[in-house]
Amino acid sequence: MSKLNSQQLVYVIDDDEAVRDSMGMLLESADLAYRCFSSADSFFAAHDGSQRGCLVLDIRMPGMTGLELQQKLAQIGSSLPIIFITGHGDVPMAVEAMRQGALDFLRKPVNEENFLERIMHALDLESGNWHQKLDRDQAQQRVESLTERERQVFLLVAQGLANKAVASQLGISERTVEVHRAQVMKKLDARTLAQLVRIHLQSE
């Protein structure tokens, strides 16, 4: 493992020690934090859903194969981008892995410059996905803090209804709608209608 302290790690999973060592040195030279595993089984045993970064995954390994690990991670909702590394005869398997959501595949021996470019792309993608998920989770938590009536007002306002129309639909006074709407804006930390709509979309 590299000495860098980073939330994102490049997880190298390959049963060939020489491959792990060479990739580790390459990642180290690019100041990228990484961790190596000698099998898909050992990585999956250590996976708890909190890992961030990307996987560099050999497609053929004793025990659990790279494809089987990809399937298991998909089943538990992992969003870690996967770059498969393949031997000459494994390209059809790699294409199938791409169909199942893998980000990319590289032929052995990998071109170092191309390898690092793909890694950086995978890390950028994971970072964007992670921040989107964080925003979505925060939006859901805020919406869950609303009372039942506030939630009703929130949903109608976010759909574009004016206070008068909301009042008519809910059978309450327009003044009551205004009070609930102000409370909704405060709880959701929204200053504009556009922000309210965005929170609604994020929380769906």
N, C-alpha and C. Protein backbone atom coordinates (compact mmCIF):
# COMPACT_ATOMS: atom_id res chain seq x y z
N MET A 1 0.84 -1.19 0.00
CA MET A 1 0.00 0.00 0.00
C MET A 1 0.88 1.25 0.00
N SER A 2 0.46 2.26 -0.74
CA SER A 2 1.27 3.46 -0.78
C SER A 2 1.16 4.22 0.53
N LYS A 3 2.07 5.16 0.73
CA LYS A 3 2.10 5.91 1.97
C LYS A 3 1.15 7.10 1.95
N LEU A 4 0.52 7.37 0.80
CA LEU A 4 -0.35 8.53 0.70
C LEU A 4 -1.64 8.30 1.47
N ASN A 5 -2.16 9.38 2.01
CA ASN A 5 -3.42 9.31 2.73
C ASN A 5 -4.51 9.86 1.82
N SER A 6 -5.34 9.01 1.28
CA SER A 6 -6.36 9.44 0.33
C SER A 6 -7.64 8.65 0.55
N GLN A 7 -8.77 9.31 0.33
CA GLN A 7 -10.04 8.59 0.42
C GLN A 7 -10.17 7.59 -0.71
N GLN A 8 -9.62 7.92 -1.86
CA GLN A 8 -9.71 7.04 -3.01
C GLN A 8 -8.48 6.15 -3.10
N LEU A 9 -8.72 4.86 -3.27
CA LEU A 9 -7.64 3.90 -3.47
C LEU A 9 -7.84 3.18 -4.79
N VAL A 10 -6.74 2.80 -5.41
CA VAL A 10 -6.80 1.91 -6.57
C VAL A 10 -6.57 0.50 -6.04
N TYR A 11 -7.58 -0.35 -6.18
CA TYR A 11 -7.49 -1.72 -5.68
C TYR A 11 -7.03 -2.62 -6.83
N VAL A 12 -5.82 -3.15 -6.72
CA VAL A 12 -5.26 -4.05 -7.73
C VAL A 12 -5.49 -5.48 -7.27
N ILE A 13 -6.23 -6.25 -8.07
CA ILE A 13 -6.58 -7.62 -7.69
C ILE A 13 -6.09 -8.56 -8.78
N ASP A 14 -5.01 -9.28 -8.49
CA ASP A 14 -4.38 -10.17 -9.48
C ASP A 14 -3.62 -11.25 -8.72
N ASP A 15 -3.72 -12.49 -9.20
CA ASP A 15 -3.03 -13.58 -8.50
C ASP A 15 -1.55 -13.63 -8.85
N ASP A 16 -1.10 -12.84 -9.82
CA ASP A 16 0.30 -12.82 -10.22
C ASP A 16 1.04 -11.74 -9.42
N GLU A 17 1.96 -12.18 -8.56
CA GLU A 17 2.67 -11.23 -7.69
C GLU A 17 3.47 -10.22 -8.50
N ALA A 18 4.06 -10.66 -9.61
CA ALA A 18 4.86 -9.75 -10.44
C ALA A 18 3.99 -8.63 -11.01
N VAL A 19 2.77 -8.97 -11.42
CA VAL A 19 1.84 -7.96 -11.94
C VAL A 19 1.46 -6.98 -10.84
N ARG A 20 1.17 -7.49 -9.65
CA ARG A 20 0.81 -6.62 -8.53
C ARG A 20 1.96 -5.67 -8.21
N ASP A 21 3.18 -6.20 -8.19
CA ASP A 21 4.34 -5.37 -7.85
C ASP A 21 4.57 -4.29 -8.90
N SER A 22 4.47 -4.64 -10.17
CA SER A 22 4.75 -3.67 -11.23
C SER A 22 3.68 -2.59 -11.26
N MET A 23 2.44 -2.97 -11.06
CA MET A 23 1.37 -1.98 -11.04
C MET A 23 1.47 -1.10 -9.80
N GLY A 24 1.86 -1.70 -8.70
CA GLY A 24 2.03 -0.93 -7.48
C GLY A 24 3.11 0.14 -7.64
N MET A 25 4.22 -0.24 -8.28
CA MET A 25 5.30 0.73 -8.50
C MET A 25 4.86 1.85 -9.44
N LEU A 26 4.07 1.47 -10.46
CA LEU A 26 3.58 2.47 -11.41
C LEU A 26 2.62 3.45 -10.73
N LEU A 27 1.73 2.93 -9.92
CA LEU A 27 0.78 3.79 -9.19
C LEU A 27 1.52 4.68 -8.19
N GLU A 28 2.52 4.11 -7.55
CA GLU A 28 3.34 4.87 -6.59
C GLU A 28 4.03 6.03 -7.29
N SER A 29 4.53 5.78 -8.51
CA SER A 29 5.24 6.82 -9.26
C SER A 29 4.31 7.96 -9.64
N ALA A 30 3.00 7.66 -9.73
CA ALA A 30 2.01 8.68 -10.09
C ALA A 30 1.34 9.28 -8.85
N ASP A 31 1.87 8.98 -7.66
CA ASP A 31 1.32 9.49 -6.40
C ASP A 31 -0.14 9.07 -6.19
N LEU A 32 -0.45 7.86 -6.61
CA LEU A 32 -1.80 7.33 -6.43
C LEU A 32 -1.79 6.29 -5.30
N ALA A 33 -2.72 6.43 -4.36
CA ALA A 33 -2.83 5.48 -3.26
C ALA A 33 -3.41 4.17 -3.78
N TYR A 34 -2.91 3.06 -3.29
CA TYR A 34 -3.38 1.77 -3.80
C TYR A 34 -3.29 0.70 -2.72
N ARG A 35 -3.94 -0.42 -3.01
CA ARG A 35 -3.84 -1.61 -2.17
C ARG A 35 -3.96 -2.83 -3.06
N CYS A 36 -3.15 -3.81 -2.82
CA CYS A 36 -3.12 -5.00 -3.66
C CYS A 36 -3.75 -6.20 -2.95
N PHE A 37 -4.43 -7.03 -3.74
CA PHE A 37 -5.00 -8.29 -3.25
C PHE A 37 -4.60 -9.39 -4.22
N SER A 38 -4.33 -10.57 -3.67
CA SER A 38 -3.90 -11.69 -4.50
C SER A 38 -5.07 -12.52 -5.03
N SER A 39 -6.28 -12.21 -4.58
CA SER A 39 -7.45 -12.96 -5.06
C SER A 39 -8.71 -12.11 -4.93
N ALA A 40 -9.70 -12.46 -5.75
CA ALA A 40 -10.99 -11.79 -5.66
C ALA A 40 -11.67 -12.11 -4.33
N ASP A 41 -11.45 -13.33 -3.84
CA ASP A 41 -12.05 -13.72 -2.56
C ASP A 41 -11.55 -12.85 -1.42
N SER A 42 -10.25 -12.57 -1.40
CA SER A 42 -9.69 -11.77 -0.30
C SER A 42 -10.18 -10.32 -0.36
N PHE A 43 -10.34 -9.79 -1.58
CA PHE A 43 -10.88 -8.43 -1.69
C PHE A 43 -12.33 -8.39 -1.22
N PHE A 44 -13.13 -9.36 -1.67
CA PHE A 44 -14.54 -9.36 -1.31
C PHE A 44 -14.73 -9.52 0.19
N ALA A 45 -13.86 -10.30 0.83
CA ALA A 45 -13.94 -10.49 2.28
C ALA A 45 -13.67 -9.18 3.01
N ALA A 46 -12.82 -8.33 2.42
CA ALA A 46 -12.47 -7.05 3.06
C ALA A 46 -13.41 -5.93 2.67
N HIS A 47 -14.29 -6.17 1.69
CA HIS A 47 -15.17 -5.12 1.19
C HIS A 47 -16.35 -4.91 2.14
N ASP A 48 -16.53 -3.67 2.62
CA ASP A 48 -17.65 -3.38 3.52
C ASP A 48 -18.56 -2.28 2.98
N GLY A 49 -18.36 -1.89 1.73
CA GLY A 49 -19.21 -0.87 1.13
C GLY A 49 -18.70 0.55 1.30
N SER A 50 -17.70 0.75 2.14
CA SER A 50 -17.19 2.10 2.39
C SER A 50 -16.02 2.46 1.48
N GLN A 51 -15.51 1.48 0.75
CA GLN A 51 -14.34 1.73 -0.10
C GLN A 51 -14.66 2.72 -1.21
N ARG A 52 -13.69 3.59 -1.47
CA ARG A 52 -13.79 4.53 -2.57
C ARG A 52 -12.60 4.35 -3.49
N GLY A 53 -12.80 4.63 -4.76
CA GLY A 53 -11.72 4.52 -5.71
C GLY A 53 -12.14 3.70 -6.91
N CYS A 54 -11.29 2.77 -7.34
CA CYS A 54 -11.61 1.91 -8.48
C CYS A 54 -10.89 0.58 -8.35
N LEU A 55 -11.31 -0.38 -9.15
CA LEU A 55 -10.71 -1.71 -9.14
C LEU A 55 -9.96 -1.94 -10.44
N VAL A 56 -8.75 -2.48 -10.32
CA VAL A 56 -8.02 -3.03 -11.47
C VAL A 56 -8.04 -4.53 -11.26
N LEU A 57 -8.78 -5.24 -12.09
CA LEU A 57 -9.18 -6.61 -11.77
C LEU A 57 -8.80 -7.58 -12.88
N ASP A 58 -8.02 -8.58 -12.51
CA ASP A 58 -7.68 -9.65 -13.45
C ASP A 58 -8.94 -10.47 -13.73
N ILE A 59 -9.14 -10.80 -14.98
CA ILE A 59 -10.40 -11.48 -15.33
C ILE A 59 -10.36 -12.97 -15.00
N ARG A 60 -9.16 -13.57 -15.06
CA ARG A 60 -9.02 -15.01 -14.76
C ARG A 60 -8.17 -15.18 -13.51
N MET A 61 -8.74 -15.78 -12.48
CA MET A 61 -7.99 -16.06 -11.25
C MET A 61 -8.49 -17.36 -10.63
N PRO A 62 -7.64 -18.06 -9.89
CA PRO A 62 -8.12 -19.24 -9.15
C PRO A 62 -9.19 -18.82 -8.15
N GLY A 63 -10.10 -19.70 -7.84
CA GLY A 63 -11.18 -19.35 -6.91
C GLY A 63 -12.19 -18.47 -7.62
N MET A 64 -12.60 -17.41 -6.96
CA MET A 64 -13.55 -16.48 -7.56
C MET A 64 -12.89 -15.74 -8.72
N THR A 65 -13.50 -15.77 -9.89
CA THR A 65 -12.94 -15.06 -11.04
C THR A 65 -13.27 -13.58 -10.97
N GLY A 66 -12.63 -12.81 -11.84
CA GLY A 66 -12.93 -11.39 -11.89
C GLY A 66 -14.38 -11.12 -12.25
N LEU A 67 -14.91 -11.91 -13.19
CA LEU A 67 -16.32 -11.75 -13.58
C LEU A 67 -17.26 -12.04 -12.42
N GLU A 68 -16.94 -13.08 -11.66
CA GLU A 68 -17.78 -13.43 -10.51
C GLU A 68 -17.74 -12.34 -9.45
N LEU A 69 -16.55 -11.74 -9.23
CA LEU A 69 -16.46 -10.63 -8.28
C LEU A 69 -17.28 -9.45 -8.77
N GLN A 70 -17.20 -9.14 -10.05
CA GLN A 70 -18.00 -8.05 -10.61
C GLN A 70 -19.50 -8.28 -10.34
N GLN A 71 -19.95 -9.51 -10.54
CA GLN A 71 -21.36 -9.83 -10.32
C GLN A 71 -21.74 -9.70 -8.85
N LYS A 72 -20.86 -10.17 -7.95
CA LYS A 72 -21.15 -10.06 -6.52
C LYS A 72 -21.21 -8.61 -6.07
N LEU A 73 -20.29 -7.78 -6.57
CA LEU A 73 -20.29 -6.37 -6.20
C LEU A 73 -21.55 -5.68 -6.73
N ALA A 74 -21.98 -6.04 -7.93
CA ALA A 74 -23.21 -5.46 -8.49
C ALA A 74 -24.42 -5.84 -7.63
N GLN A 75 -24.43 -7.06 -7.13
CA GLN A 75 -25.55 -7.53 -6.31
C GLN A 75 -25.69 -6.75 -5.00
N ILE A 76 -24.56 -6.26 -4.47
CA ILE A 76 -24.63 -5.51 -3.20
C ILE A 76 -24.62 -4.00 -3.44
N GLY A 77 -24.76 -3.60 -4.72
CA GLY A 77 -24.92 -2.18 -5.02
C GLY A 77 -23.64 -1.37 -5.05
N SER A 78 -22.49 -2.03 -5.22
CA SER A 78 -21.22 -1.30 -5.29
C SER A 78 -21.17 -0.47 -6.58
N SER A 79 -20.65 0.75 -6.46
CA SER A 79 -20.51 1.62 -7.63
C SER A 79 -19.04 1.85 -7.99
N LEU A 80 -18.15 1.02 -7.45
CA LEU A 80 -16.73 1.16 -7.77
C LEU A 80 -16.49 0.85 -9.25
N PRO A 81 -15.92 1.77 -10.01
CA PRO A 81 -15.60 1.47 -11.42
C PRO A 81 -14.58 0.33 -11.50
N ILE A 82 -14.76 -0.53 -12.49
CA ILE A 82 -13.88 -1.68 -12.66
C ILE A 82 -13.17 -1.60 -14.01
N ILE A 83 -11.84 -1.70 -13.96
CA ILE A 83 -11.03 -1.84 -15.17
C ILE A 83 -10.47 -3.26 -15.16
N PHE A 84 -10.86 -4.06 -16.15
CA PHE A 84 -10.36 -5.43 -16.23
C PHE A 84 -9.02 -5.45 -16.97
N ILE A 85 -8.12 -6.31 -16.52
CA ILE A 85 -6.89 -6.57 -17.26
C ILE A 85 -6.97 -8.02 -17.74
N THR A 86 -6.65 -8.22 -19.01
CA THR A 86 -6.92 -9.50 -19.65
C THR A 86 -5.71 -10.02 -20.41
N GLY A 87 -5.65 -11.34 -20.54
CA GLY A 87 -4.70 -11.98 -21.43
C GLY A 87 -5.27 -12.02 -22.84
N HIS A 88 -4.49 -12.53 -23.77
CA HIS A 88 -4.89 -12.51 -25.18
C HIS A 88 -6.22 -13.21 -25.42
N GLY A 89 -6.42 -14.35 -24.76
CA GLY A 89 -7.63 -15.12 -25.04
C GLY A 89 -8.86 -14.70 -24.26
N ASP A 90 -8.73 -13.64 -23.48
CA ASP A 90 -9.82 -13.26 -22.58
C ASP A 90 -10.67 -12.10 -23.10
N VAL A 91 -10.40 -11.63 -24.31
CA VAL A 91 -11.11 -10.46 -24.81
C VAL A 91 -12.63 -10.67 -24.87
N PRO A 92 -13.13 -11.82 -25.37
CA PRO A 92 -14.59 -12.02 -25.35
C PRO A 92 -15.18 -11.92 -23.94
N MET A 93 -14.45 -12.44 -22.95
CA MET A 93 -14.91 -12.34 -21.55
C MET A 93 -14.92 -10.88 -21.12
N ALA A 94 -13.91 -10.13 -21.53
CA ALA A 94 -13.83 -8.71 -21.16
C ALA A 94 -14.97 -7.92 -21.78
N VAL A 95 -15.32 -8.26 -23.01
CA VAL A 95 -16.44 -7.59 -23.68
C VAL A 95 -17.73 -7.87 -22.91
N GLU A 96 -17.90 -9.11 -22.45
CA GLU A 96 -19.07 -9.46 -21.64
C GLU A 96 -19.07 -8.67 -20.34
N ALA A 97 -17.88 -8.50 -19.74
CA ALA A 97 -17.78 -7.71 -18.51
C ALA A 97 -18.20 -6.26 -18.75
N MET A 98 -17.84 -5.72 -19.91
CA MET A 98 -18.25 -4.36 -20.26
C MET A 98 -19.76 -4.28 -20.37
N ARG A 99 -20.37 -5.29 -20.95
CA ARG A 99 -21.84 -5.32 -21.06
C ARG A 99 -22.49 -5.31 -19.68
N GLN A 100 -21.78 -5.89 -18.70
CA GLN A 100 -22.32 -5.95 -17.34
C GLN A 100 -21.92 -4.74 -16.49
N GLY A 101 -21.30 -3.74 -17.13
CA GLY A 101 -21.05 -2.50 -16.41
C GLY A 101 -19.61 -2.14 -16.12
N ALA A 102 -18.66 -2.99 -16.56
CA ALA A 102 -17.25 -2.63 -16.36
C ALA A 102 -16.94 -1.36 -17.14
N LEU A 103 -16.03 -0.57 -16.61
CA LEU A 103 -15.69 0.70 -17.24
C LEU A 103 -14.78 0.49 -18.45
N ASP A 104 -13.87 -0.45 -18.36
CA ASP A 104 -12.86 -0.59 -19.40
C ASP A 104 -12.16 -1.93 -19.27
N PHE A 105 -11.38 -2.31 -20.29
CA PHE A 105 -10.47 -3.44 -20.14
C PHE A 105 -9.18 -3.16 -20.89
N LEU A 106 -8.09 -3.66 -20.34
CA LEU A 106 -6.77 -3.45 -20.90
C LEU A 106 -6.11 -4.79 -21.13
N ARG A 107 -5.38 -4.89 -22.25
CA ARG A 107 -4.66 -6.12 -22.56
C ARG A 107 -3.31 -6.13 -21.86
N LYS A 108 -2.91 -7.31 -21.38
CA LYS A 108 -1.57 -7.48 -20.82
C LYS A 108 -0.57 -7.69 -21.95
N PRO A 109 0.65 -7.15 -21.84
CA PRO A 109 1.10 -6.22 -20.79
C PRO A 109 0.53 -4.83 -21.05
N VAL A 110 0.14 -4.13 -20.00
CA VAL A 110 -0.52 -2.84 -20.18
C VAL A 110 0.48 -1.76 -20.56
N ASN A 111 0.01 -0.82 -21.39
CA ASN A 111 0.79 0.36 -21.69
C ASN A 111 0.70 1.30 -20.49
N GLU A 112 1.84 1.70 -19.94
CA GLU A 112 1.84 2.44 -18.68
C GLU A 112 1.08 3.76 -18.77
N GLU A 113 1.33 4.52 -19.83
CA GLU A 113 0.67 5.82 -19.97
C GLU A 113 -0.83 5.65 -20.12
N ASN A 114 -1.22 4.68 -20.94
CA ASN A 114 -2.65 4.41 -21.14
C ASN A 114 -3.29 3.92 -19.84
N PHE A 115 -2.57 3.08 -19.12
CA PHE A 115 -3.07 2.55 -17.85
C PHE A 115 -3.36 3.68 -16.87
N LEU A 116 -2.43 4.60 -16.71
CA LEU A 116 -2.63 5.71 -15.77
C LEU A 116 -3.76 6.63 -16.22
N GLU A 117 -3.89 6.84 -17.52
CA GLU A 117 -5.00 7.66 -18.03
C GLU A 117 -6.35 7.03 -17.68
N ARG A 118 -6.45 5.73 -17.86
CA ARG A 118 -7.71 5.03 -17.55
C ARG A 118 -8.00 5.07 -16.05
N ILE A 119 -6.95 4.93 -15.24
CA ILE A 119 -7.12 4.99 -13.79
C ILE A 119 -7.65 6.37 -13.37
N MET A 120 -7.05 7.44 -13.91
CA MET A 120 -7.48 8.80 -13.55
C MET A 120 -8.93 9.03 -13.98
N HIS A 121 -9.29 8.51 -15.15
CA HIS A 121 -10.68 8.64 -15.61
C HIS A 121 -11.63 7.92 -14.66
N ALA A 122 -11.25 6.72 -14.24
CA ALA A 122 -12.08 5.94 -13.31
C ALA A 122 -12.24 6.65 -11.97
N LEU A 123 -11.15 7.24 -11.47
CA LEU A 123 -11.21 7.94 -10.18
C LEU A 123 -12.07 9.21 -10.29
N ASP A 124 -11.95 9.92 -11.41
CA ASP A 124 -12.80 11.11 -11.62
C ASP A 124 -14.27 10.72 -11.67
N LEU A 125 -14.55 9.63 -12.37
CA LEU A 125 -15.93 9.15 -12.48
C LEU A 125 -16.48 8.76 -11.11
N GLU A 126 -15.67 8.02 -10.33
CA GLU A 126 -16.13 7.60 -9.00
C GLU A 126 -16.35 8.80 -8.09
N SER A 127 -15.48 9.80 -8.20
CA SER A 127 -15.63 11.00 -7.37
C SER A 127 -16.94 11.71 -7.68
N GLY A 128 -17.26 11.84 -8.97
CA GLY A 128 -18.51 12.48 -9.35
C GLY A 128 -19.71 11.70 -8.86
N ASN A 129 -19.67 10.38 -9.01
CA ASN A 129 -20.78 9.53 -8.56
C ASN A 129 -20.94 9.60 -7.04
N TRP A 130 -19.80 9.64 -6.33
CA TRP A 130 -19.84 9.69 -4.87
C TRP A 130 -20.47 10.99 -4.39
N HIS A 131 -20.10 12.11 -4.99
CA HIS A 131 -20.68 13.38 -4.58
C HIS A 131 -22.17 13.46 -4.92
N GLN A 132 -22.57 12.88 -6.05
CA GLN A 132 -23.99 12.83 -6.39
C GLN A 132 -24.77 12.02 -5.36
N LYS A 133 -24.20 10.88 -4.96
CA LYS A 133 -24.86 10.05 -3.95
C LYS A 133 -24.94 10.78 -2.62
N LEU A 134 -23.86 11.50 -2.27
CA LEU A 134 -23.85 12.26 -1.02
C LEU A 134 -24.94 13.32 -1.03
N ASP A 135 -25.06 14.05 -2.15
CA ASP A 135 -26.10 15.07 -2.27
C ASP A 135 -27.48 14.44 -2.18
N ARG A 136 -27.65 13.28 -2.81
CA ARG A 136 -28.94 12.59 -2.80
C ARG A 136 -29.31 12.12 -1.39
N ASP A 137 -28.33 11.55 -0.68
CA ASP A 137 -28.57 11.09 0.69
C ASP A 137 -28.94 12.26 1.61
N GLN A 138 -28.23 13.38 1.46
CA GLN A 138 -28.51 14.55 2.29
C GLN A 138 -29.89 15.11 1.99
N ALA A 139 -30.26 15.13 0.70
CA ALA A 139 -31.59 15.62 0.33
C ALA A 139 -32.68 14.73 0.93
N GLN A 140 -32.47 13.41 0.87
CA GLN A 140 -33.46 12.49 1.43
C GLN A 140 -33.60 12.67 2.94
N GLN A 141 -32.47 12.89 3.62
CA GLN A 141 -32.52 13.09 5.07
C GLN A 141 -33.29 14.37 5.42
N ARG A 142 -33.07 15.42 4.66
CA ARG A 142 -33.79 16.67 4.91
C ARG A 142 -35.28 16.51 4.67
N VAL A 143 -35.63 15.84 3.58
CA VAL A 143 -37.06 15.63 3.28
C VAL A 143 -37.71 14.79 4.36
N GLU A 144 -36.98 13.81 4.89
CA GLU A 144 -37.53 12.96 5.95
C GLU A 144 -37.78 13.72 7.24
N SER A 145 -37.14 14.90 7.38
CA SER A 145 -37.34 15.70 8.59
C SER A 145 -38.65 16.50 8.55
N LEU A 146 -39.30 16.54 7.38
CA LEU A 146 -40.54 17.30 7.24
C LEU A 146 -41.71 16.57 7.89
N THR A 147 -42.67 17.35 8.41
CA THR A 147 -43.91 16.74 8.89
C THR A 147 -44.73 16.30 7.68
N GLU A 148 -45.79 15.55 7.93
CA GLU A 148 -46.63 15.06 6.83
C GLU A 148 -47.21 16.22 6.02
N ARG A 149 -47.70 17.27 6.70
CA ARG A 149 -48.28 18.41 6.00
C ARG A 149 -47.20 19.19 5.25
N GLU A 150 -46.05 19.35 5.87
CA GLU A 150 -44.95 20.05 5.18
C GLU A 150 -44.53 19.29 3.94
N ARG A 151 -44.53 17.98 4.03
CA ARG A 151 -44.14 17.17 2.87
C ARG A 151 -45.16 17.35 1.74
N GLN A 152 -46.44 17.40 2.09
CA GLN A 152 -47.47 17.62 1.08
C GLN A 152 -47.28 18.96 0.38
N VAL A 153 -47.03 19.99 1.17
CA VAL A 153 -46.80 21.32 0.60
C VAL A 153 -45.54 21.30 -0.27
N PHE A 154 -44.49 20.70 0.23
CA PHE A 154 -43.22 20.61 -0.49
C PHE A 154 -43.40 19.97 -1.86
N LEU A 155 -44.09 18.83 -1.92
CA LEU A 155 -44.27 18.12 -3.18
C LEU A 155 -45.05 18.93 -4.19
N LEU A 156 -46.09 19.62 -3.74
CA LEU A 156 -46.92 20.41 -4.65
C LEU A 156 -46.17 21.66 -5.13
N VAL A 157 -45.48 22.33 -4.23
CA VAL A 157 -44.71 23.52 -4.61
C VAL A 157 -43.60 23.13 -5.59
N ALA A 158 -42.94 21.99 -5.32
CA ALA A 158 -41.86 21.54 -6.19
C ALA A 158 -42.36 21.15 -7.57
N GLN A 159 -43.65 20.86 -7.68
CA GLN A 159 -44.26 20.55 -8.98
C GLN A 159 -44.67 21.82 -9.74
N GLY A 160 -44.46 22.97 -9.08
CA GLY A 160 -44.73 24.24 -9.76
C GLY A 160 -46.04 24.91 -9.39
N LEU A 161 -46.77 24.37 -8.43
CA LEU A 161 -48.06 24.97 -8.04
C LEU A 161 -47.85 26.22 -7.20
N ALA A 162 -48.65 27.23 -7.45
CA ALA A 162 -48.63 28.46 -6.66
C ALA A 162 -49.30 28.19 -5.31
N ASN A 163 -49.06 29.08 -4.34
CA ASN A 163 -49.62 28.89 -3.00
C ASN A 163 -51.14 28.74 -3.03
N LYS A 164 -51.78 29.53 -3.87
CA LYS A 164 -53.25 29.48 -3.94
C LYS A 164 -53.72 28.10 -4.41
N ALA A 165 -53.03 27.55 -5.41
CA ALA A 165 -53.40 26.23 -5.94
C ALA A 165 -53.12 25.14 -4.91
N VAL A 166 -52.01 25.28 -4.17
CA VAL A 166 -51.69 24.31 -3.12
C VAL A 166 -52.76 24.35 -2.03
N ALA A 167 -53.16 25.55 -1.64
CA ALA A 167 -54.19 25.71 -0.61
C ALA A 167 -55.49 25.05 -1.05
N SER A 168 -55.86 25.25 -2.30
CA SER A 168 -57.10 24.67 -2.83
C SER A 168 -57.03 23.15 -2.84
N GLN A 169 -55.90 22.60 -3.24
CA GLN A 169 -55.77 21.16 -3.35
C GLN A 169 -55.76 20.49 -1.97
N LEU A 170 -55.15 21.16 -0.98
CA LEU A 170 -55.06 20.56 0.35
C LEU A 170 -56.21 20.96 1.27
N GLY A 171 -57.05 21.89 0.81
CA GLY A 171 -58.19 22.32 1.63
C GLY A 171 -57.79 23.12 2.85
N ILE A 172 -56.73 23.93 2.70
CA ILE A 172 -56.27 24.79 3.81
C ILE A 172 -56.15 26.21 3.28
N SER A 173 -55.94 27.16 4.18
CA SER A 173 -55.86 28.56 3.76
C SER A 173 -54.52 28.85 3.10
N GLU A 174 -54.53 29.88 2.26
CA GLU A 174 -53.30 30.28 1.59
C GLU A 174 -52.25 30.72 2.61
N ARG A 175 -52.70 31.36 3.68
CA ARG A 175 -51.79 31.81 4.73
C ARG A 175 -51.10 30.60 5.39
N THR A 176 -51.86 29.53 5.61
CA THR A 176 -51.29 28.31 6.20
C THR A 176 -50.24 27.70 5.27
N VAL A 177 -50.53 27.75 3.98
CA VAL A 177 -49.56 27.26 2.99
C VAL A 177 -48.26 28.07 3.09
N GLU A 178 -48.41 29.39 3.22
CA GLU A 178 -47.23 30.26 3.31
C GLU A 178 -46.37 29.90 4.53
N VAL A 179 -47.02 29.63 5.65
CA VAL A 179 -46.30 29.26 6.88
C VAL A 179 -45.57 27.94 6.69
N HIS A 180 -46.28 26.94 6.13
CA HIS A 180 -45.65 25.64 5.90
C HIS A 180 -44.51 25.76 4.88
N ARG A 181 -44.73 26.55 3.85
CA ARG A 181 -43.71 26.70 2.81
C ARG A 181 -42.43 27.32 3.39
N ALA A 182 -42.61 28.33 4.24
CA ALA A 182 -41.44 28.96 4.87
C ALA A 182 -40.69 27.95 5.74
N GLN A 183 -41.44 27.11 6.44
CA GLN A 183 -40.80 26.09 7.29
C GLN A 183 -40.08 25.05 6.44
N VAL A 184 -40.69 24.69 5.31
CA VAL A 184 -40.07 23.73 4.39
C VAL A 184 -38.75 24.28 3.87
N MET A 185 -38.76 25.55 3.45
CA MET A 185 -37.56 26.17 2.92
C MET A 185 -36.45 26.18 3.98
N LYS A 186 -36.83 26.45 5.22
CA LYS A 186 -35.85 26.50 6.30
C LYS A 186 -35.26 25.11 6.56
N LYS A 187 -36.13 24.11 6.68
CA LYS A 187 -35.66 22.75 6.99
C LYS A 187 -34.80 22.17 5.86
N LEU A 188 -35.15 22.53 4.63
CA LEU A 188 -34.41 21.98 3.49
C LEU A 188 -33.23 22.86 3.10
N ASP A 189 -33.04 23.96 3.82
CA ASP A 189 -31.94 24.89 3.53
C ASP A 189 -31.99 25.33 2.07
N ALA A 190 -33.19 25.70 1.63
CA ALA A 190 -33.41 26.16 0.25
C ALA A 190 -33.81 27.63 0.28
N ARG A 191 -33.16 28.42 -0.57
CA ARG A 191 -33.47 29.85 -0.62
C ARG A 191 -34.35 30.23 -1.79
N THR A 192 -34.39 29.38 -2.80
CA THR A 192 -35.17 29.69 -4.00
C THR A 192 -36.03 28.49 -4.40
N LEU A 193 -36.99 28.75 -5.26
CA LEU A 193 -37.84 27.68 -5.77
C LEU A 193 -37.00 26.67 -6.56
N ALA A 194 -36.00 27.16 -7.30
CA ALA A 194 -35.14 26.27 -8.09
C ALA A 194 -34.40 25.29 -7.18
N GLN A 195 -33.92 25.76 -6.04
CA GLN A 195 -33.23 24.87 -5.10
C GLN A 195 -34.20 23.85 -4.53
N LEU A 196 -35.43 24.28 -4.29
CA LEU A 196 -36.46 23.37 -3.78
C LEU A 196 -36.75 22.25 -4.79
N VAL A 197 -36.85 22.65 -6.04
CA VAL A 197 -37.10 21.66 -7.11
C VAL A 197 -35.92 20.69 -7.21
N ARG A 198 -34.69 21.20 -7.11
CA ARG A 198 -33.51 20.34 -7.20
C ARG A 198 -33.48 19.33 -6.05
N ILE A 199 -33.82 19.77 -4.85
CA ILE A 199 -33.87 18.86 -3.70
C ILE A 199 -34.91 17.78 -3.92
N HIS A 200 -36.04 18.17 -4.50
CA HIS A 200 -37.09 17.20 -4.79
C HIS A 200 -36.60 16.15 -5.77
N LEU A 201 -35.90 16.58 -6.81
CA LEU A 201 -35.37 15.64 -7.81
C LEU A 201 -34.31 14.73 -7.20
N GLN A 202 -33.46 15.29 -6.34
CA GLN A 202 -32.40 14.50 -5.71
C GLN A 202 -32.95 13.46 -4.75
N SER A 203 -34.07 13.77 -4.12
CA SER A 203 -34.60 12.89 -3.09
C SER A 203 -35.49 11.79 -3.63
N GLU A 204 -35.78 11.82 -4.93
CA GLU A 204 -36.68 10.81 -5.50
C GLU A 204 -36.00 9.45 -5.59
